[in-house]
Amino acid sequence: MSAGAHRDVLKNALHWPPRANQLEPLESHLTKSSNLARALWLALSGDISDDKRDVAALSELAHAVADHASAAVFIFDLEALKTARKE
């Protein structure tokens, strides 16, 4: 399988596939994922109302966590692929 084909397979694992063209440094994705996950945990451990705005806000937060976490995994997988090709 070509390097481009491998990248396409990895890209499909992203929460938001176009993110593959808009990557930030790995450290940035990891830091954001960690901070957002903590915020999500704190939000879910409190009182959650049925207010549609609260549900929408939690949904947006969960989306951001998934976006940055999957981007970090994508970068790790790309680096592993590059390393494997060198060996």
N, C-alpha and C. Protein backbone atom coordinates (compact mmCIF):
# COMPACT_ATOMS: atom_id res chain seq x y z
N MET A 1 0.85 -1.17 0.00
CA MET A 1 0.00 0.00 0.00
C MET A 1 0.90 1.25 0.00
N SER A 2 0.57 2.22 -0.79
CA SER A 2 1.38 3.43 -0.91
C SER A 2 1.22 4.30 0.34
N ALA A 3 2.16 5.24 0.51
CA ALA A 3 2.10 6.15 1.65
C ALA A 3 0.82 6.97 1.62
N GLY A 4 0.40 7.40 0.42
CA GLY A 4 -0.84 8.17 0.30
C GLY A 4 -2.06 7.35 0.68
N ALA A 5 -2.05 6.08 0.31
CA ALA A 5 -3.17 5.20 0.67
C ALA A 5 -3.22 4.98 2.17
N HIS A 6 -2.04 4.81 2.79
CA HIS A 6 -2.00 4.67 4.25
C HIS A 6 -2.55 5.92 4.92
N ARG A 7 -2.16 7.08 4.41
CA ARG A 7 -2.63 8.35 4.99
C ARG A 7 -4.14 8.45 4.88
N ASP A 8 -4.69 8.03 3.74
CA ASP A 8 -6.15 8.07 3.58
C ASP A 8 -6.86 7.16 4.57
N VAL A 9 -6.29 5.98 4.82
CA VAL A 9 -6.88 5.07 5.80
C VAL A 9 -6.85 5.70 7.18
N LEU A 10 -5.70 6.29 7.54
CA LEU A 10 -5.58 6.94 8.84
C LEU A 10 -6.53 8.13 8.94
N LYS A 11 -6.67 8.88 7.84
CA LYS A 11 -7.53 10.07 7.83
C LYS A 11 -8.98 9.71 8.12
N ASN A 12 -9.40 8.54 7.65
CA ASN A 12 -10.78 8.12 7.89
C ASN A 12 -11.07 7.84 9.35
N ALA A 13 -10.04 7.65 10.17
CA ALA A 13 -10.22 7.42 11.60
C ALA A 13 -10.38 8.72 12.37
N LEU A 14 -10.14 9.85 11.72
CA LEU A 14 -10.30 11.14 12.39
C LEU A 14 -11.77 11.42 12.68
N HIS A 15 -12.02 12.09 13.80
CA HIS A 15 -13.39 12.50 14.13
C HIS A 15 -13.93 13.43 13.05
N TRP A 16 -13.07 14.28 12.54
CA TRP A 16 -13.40 15.24 11.48
C TRP A 16 -12.32 15.09 10.41
N PRO A 17 -12.54 14.25 9.37
CA PRO A 17 -11.49 13.95 8.39
C PRO A 17 -10.77 15.16 7.77
N PRO A 18 -11.43 16.29 7.50
CA PRO A 18 -10.68 17.43 6.97
C PRO A 18 -9.59 17.94 7.91
N ARG A 19 -9.62 17.53 9.20
CA ARG A 19 -8.60 17.94 10.15
C ARG A 19 -7.21 17.52 9.66
N ALA A 20 -7.13 16.46 8.85
CA ALA A 20 -5.84 15.98 8.34
C ALA A 20 -5.09 17.08 7.59
N ASN A 21 -5.80 18.04 7.06
CA ASN A 21 -5.19 19.14 6.32
C ASN A 21 -4.99 20.38 7.19
N GLN A 22 -5.40 20.30 8.46
CA GLN A 22 -5.32 21.45 9.36
C GLN A 22 -4.76 21.03 10.72
N LEU A 23 -3.71 20.24 10.69
CA LEU A 23 -3.13 19.75 11.93
C LEU A 23 -2.36 20.85 12.66
N GLU A 24 -2.44 20.79 13.97
CA GLU A 24 -1.64 21.64 14.83
C GLU A 24 -0.48 20.78 15.34
N PRO A 25 0.48 21.35 16.03
CA PRO A 25 1.52 20.52 16.60
C PRO A 25 0.92 19.48 17.55
N LEU A 26 1.55 18.32 17.62
CA LEU A 26 1.05 17.24 18.46
C LEU A 26 0.82 17.70 19.89
N GLU A 27 1.77 18.43 20.45
CA GLU A 27 1.63 18.90 21.82
C GLU A 27 0.36 19.73 22.01
N SER A 28 0.03 20.53 21.02
CA SER A 28 -1.18 21.35 21.10
C SER A 28 -2.43 20.48 21.14
N HIS A 29 -2.52 19.48 20.27
CA HIS A 29 -3.68 18.59 20.27
C HIS A 29 -3.79 17.83 21.59
N LEU A 30 -2.65 17.36 22.11
CA LEU A 30 -2.67 16.61 23.38
C LEU A 30 -3.09 17.51 24.54
N THR A 31 -2.56 18.72 24.59
CA THR A 31 -2.91 19.65 25.67
C THR A 31 -4.39 20.01 25.61
N LYS A 32 -4.89 20.33 24.42
CA LYS A 32 -6.31 20.67 24.27
C LYS A 32 -7.20 19.49 24.63
N SER A 33 -6.81 18.29 24.18
CA SER A 33 -7.60 17.10 24.50
C SER A 33 -7.69 16.89 26.00
N SER A 34 -6.56 17.01 26.67
CA SER A 34 -6.52 16.83 28.11
C SER A 34 -7.38 17.86 28.83
N ASN A 35 -7.21 19.12 28.46
CA ASN A 35 -7.99 20.18 29.11
C ASN A 35 -9.48 20.05 28.82
N LEU A 36 -9.83 19.76 27.58
CA LEU A 36 -11.23 19.63 27.22
C LEU A 36 -11.87 18.41 27.90
N ALA A 37 -11.14 17.31 27.97
CA ALA A 37 -11.67 16.12 28.63
C ALA A 37 -11.93 16.40 30.10
N ARG A 38 -11.02 17.14 30.75
CA ARG A 38 -11.24 17.49 32.15
C ARG A 38 -12.47 18.38 32.30
N ALA A 39 -12.62 19.34 31.40
CA ALA A 39 -13.81 20.21 31.45
C ALA A 39 -15.08 19.41 31.25
N LEU A 40 -15.03 18.45 30.33
CA LEU A 40 -16.19 17.61 30.08
C LEU A 40 -16.51 16.78 31.32
N TRP A 41 -15.50 16.20 31.95
CA TRP A 41 -15.71 15.41 33.16
C TRP A 41 -16.32 16.28 34.25
N LEU A 42 -15.79 17.48 34.44
CA LEU A 42 -16.33 18.39 35.45
C LEU A 42 -17.77 18.76 35.14
N ALA A 43 -18.07 19.00 33.88
CA ALA A 43 -19.43 19.36 33.48
C ALA A 43 -20.39 18.21 33.74
N LEU A 44 -19.97 16.99 33.45
CA LEU A 44 -20.85 15.83 33.62
C LEU A 44 -20.99 15.41 35.07
N SER A 45 -20.05 15.80 35.92
CA SER A 45 -20.14 15.42 37.32
C SER A 45 -21.04 16.36 38.12
N GLY A 46 -21.47 17.44 37.50
CA GLY A 46 -22.36 18.40 38.16
C GLY A 46 -23.81 18.14 37.79
N ASP A 47 -24.65 19.09 38.11
CA ASP A 47 -26.07 18.99 37.75
C ASP A 47 -26.25 19.33 36.28
N ILE A 48 -26.80 18.40 35.55
CA ILE A 48 -27.06 18.62 34.14
C ILE A 48 -28.56 18.84 33.99
N SER A 49 -28.92 19.95 33.42
CA SER A 49 -30.33 20.25 33.22
C SER A 49 -30.77 19.76 31.85
N ASP A 50 -32.05 19.84 31.61
CA ASP A 50 -32.59 19.47 30.30
C ASP A 50 -32.62 20.68 29.35
N ASP A 51 -32.04 21.78 29.79
CA ASP A 51 -32.00 22.99 28.98
C ASP A 51 -31.24 22.67 27.68
N LYS A 52 -31.86 22.94 26.55
CA LYS A 52 -31.26 22.63 25.25
C LYS A 52 -29.91 23.31 25.05
N ARG A 53 -29.74 24.49 25.66
CA ARG A 53 -28.46 25.19 25.53
C ARG A 53 -27.35 24.43 26.25
N ASP A 54 -27.68 23.85 27.42
CA ASP A 54 -26.69 23.07 28.15
C ASP A 54 -26.31 21.81 27.38
N VAL A 55 -27.30 21.15 26.82
CA VAL A 55 -27.06 19.94 26.04
C VAL A 55 -26.21 20.29 24.81
N ALA A 56 -26.51 21.39 24.15
CA ALA A 56 -25.74 21.81 22.98
C ALA A 56 -24.30 22.15 23.37
N ALA A 57 -24.12 22.80 24.50
CA ALA A 57 -22.78 23.15 24.96
C ALA A 57 -21.97 21.89 25.27
N LEU A 58 -22.57 20.91 25.93
CA LEU A 58 -21.87 19.66 26.22
C LEU A 58 -21.55 18.90 24.94
N SER A 59 -22.45 18.94 23.99
CA SER A 59 -22.23 18.28 22.72
C SER A 59 -21.04 18.91 22.00
N GLU A 60 -20.97 20.22 22.00
CA GLU A 60 -19.85 20.93 21.37
C GLU A 60 -18.53 20.60 22.07
N LEU A 61 -18.57 20.52 23.39
CA LEU A 61 -17.38 20.18 24.16
C LEU A 61 -16.92 18.76 23.83
N ALA A 62 -17.85 17.82 23.76
CA ALA A 62 -17.51 16.44 23.42
C ALA A 62 -16.93 16.36 22.00
N HIS A 63 -17.49 17.14 21.09
CA HIS A 63 -16.98 17.19 19.71
C HIS A 63 -15.53 17.67 19.69
N ALA A 64 -15.24 18.71 20.45
CA ALA A 64 -13.89 19.26 20.48
C ALA A 64 -12.89 18.25 21.06
N VAL A 65 -13.31 17.53 22.11
CA VAL A 65 -12.44 16.50 22.68
C VAL A 65 -12.13 15.44 21.63
N ALA A 66 -13.16 14.94 20.97
CA ALA A 66 -12.97 13.91 19.96
C ALA A 66 -12.10 14.41 18.80
N ASP A 67 -12.30 15.65 18.39
CA ASP A 67 -11.53 16.22 17.29
C ASP A 67 -10.04 16.25 17.62
N HIS A 68 -9.69 16.82 18.75
CA HIS A 68 -8.28 16.96 19.09
C HIS A 68 -7.64 15.63 19.47
N ALA A 69 -8.37 14.77 20.16
CA ALA A 69 -7.81 13.47 20.52
C ALA A 69 -7.55 12.62 19.27
N SER A 70 -8.49 12.61 18.34
CA SER A 70 -8.29 11.81 17.13
C SER A 70 -7.18 12.41 16.26
N ALA A 71 -7.02 13.74 16.29
CA ALA A 71 -5.92 14.37 15.54
C ALA A 71 -4.58 13.96 16.14
N ALA A 72 -4.49 13.88 17.46
CA ALA A 72 -3.25 13.46 18.09
C ALA A 72 -2.93 12.01 17.72
N VAL A 73 -3.92 11.14 17.73
CA VAL A 73 -3.71 9.75 17.33
C VAL A 73 -3.26 9.68 15.87
N PHE A 74 -3.87 10.48 15.02
CA PHE A 74 -3.51 10.54 13.61
C PHE A 74 -2.04 10.89 13.44
N ILE A 75 -1.58 11.91 14.17
CA ILE A 75 -0.18 12.33 14.08
C ILE A 75 0.74 11.21 14.56
N PHE A 76 0.39 10.57 15.68
CA PHE A 76 1.18 9.44 16.16
C PHE A 76 1.26 8.34 15.11
N ASP A 77 0.13 8.01 14.52
CA ASP A 77 0.09 6.94 13.51
C ASP A 77 0.91 7.31 12.27
N LEU A 78 0.84 8.56 11.85
CA LEU A 78 1.65 9.01 10.70
C LEU A 78 3.14 8.88 11.01
N GLU A 79 3.53 9.28 12.21
CA GLU A 79 4.94 9.18 12.59
C GLU A 79 5.39 7.72 12.65
N ALA A 80 4.52 6.85 13.15
CA ALA A 80 4.85 5.42 13.19
C ALA A 80 5.01 4.86 11.78
N LEU A 81 4.15 5.29 10.87
CA LEU A 81 4.22 4.86 9.48
C LEU A 81 5.54 5.33 8.85
N LYS A 82 5.91 6.57 9.10
CA LYS A 82 7.17 7.10 8.55
C LYS A 82 8.36 6.33 9.11
N THR A 83 8.32 6.03 10.40
CA THR A 83 9.42 5.30 11.04
C THR A 83 9.51 3.89 10.47
N ALA A 84 8.38 3.23 10.28
CA ALA A 84 8.35 1.87 9.75
C ALA A 84 8.89 1.84 8.32
N ARG A 85 8.64 2.86 7.54
CA ARG A 85 9.12 2.90 6.16
C ARG A 85 10.64 3.09 6.09
N LYS A 86 11.21 3.72 7.12
CA LYS A 86 12.65 3.95 7.15
C LYS A 86 13.41 2.68 7.52
N GLU A 87 12.73 1.77 8.22
CA GLU A 87 13.40 0.55 8.69
C GLU A 87 13.45 -0.51 7.63
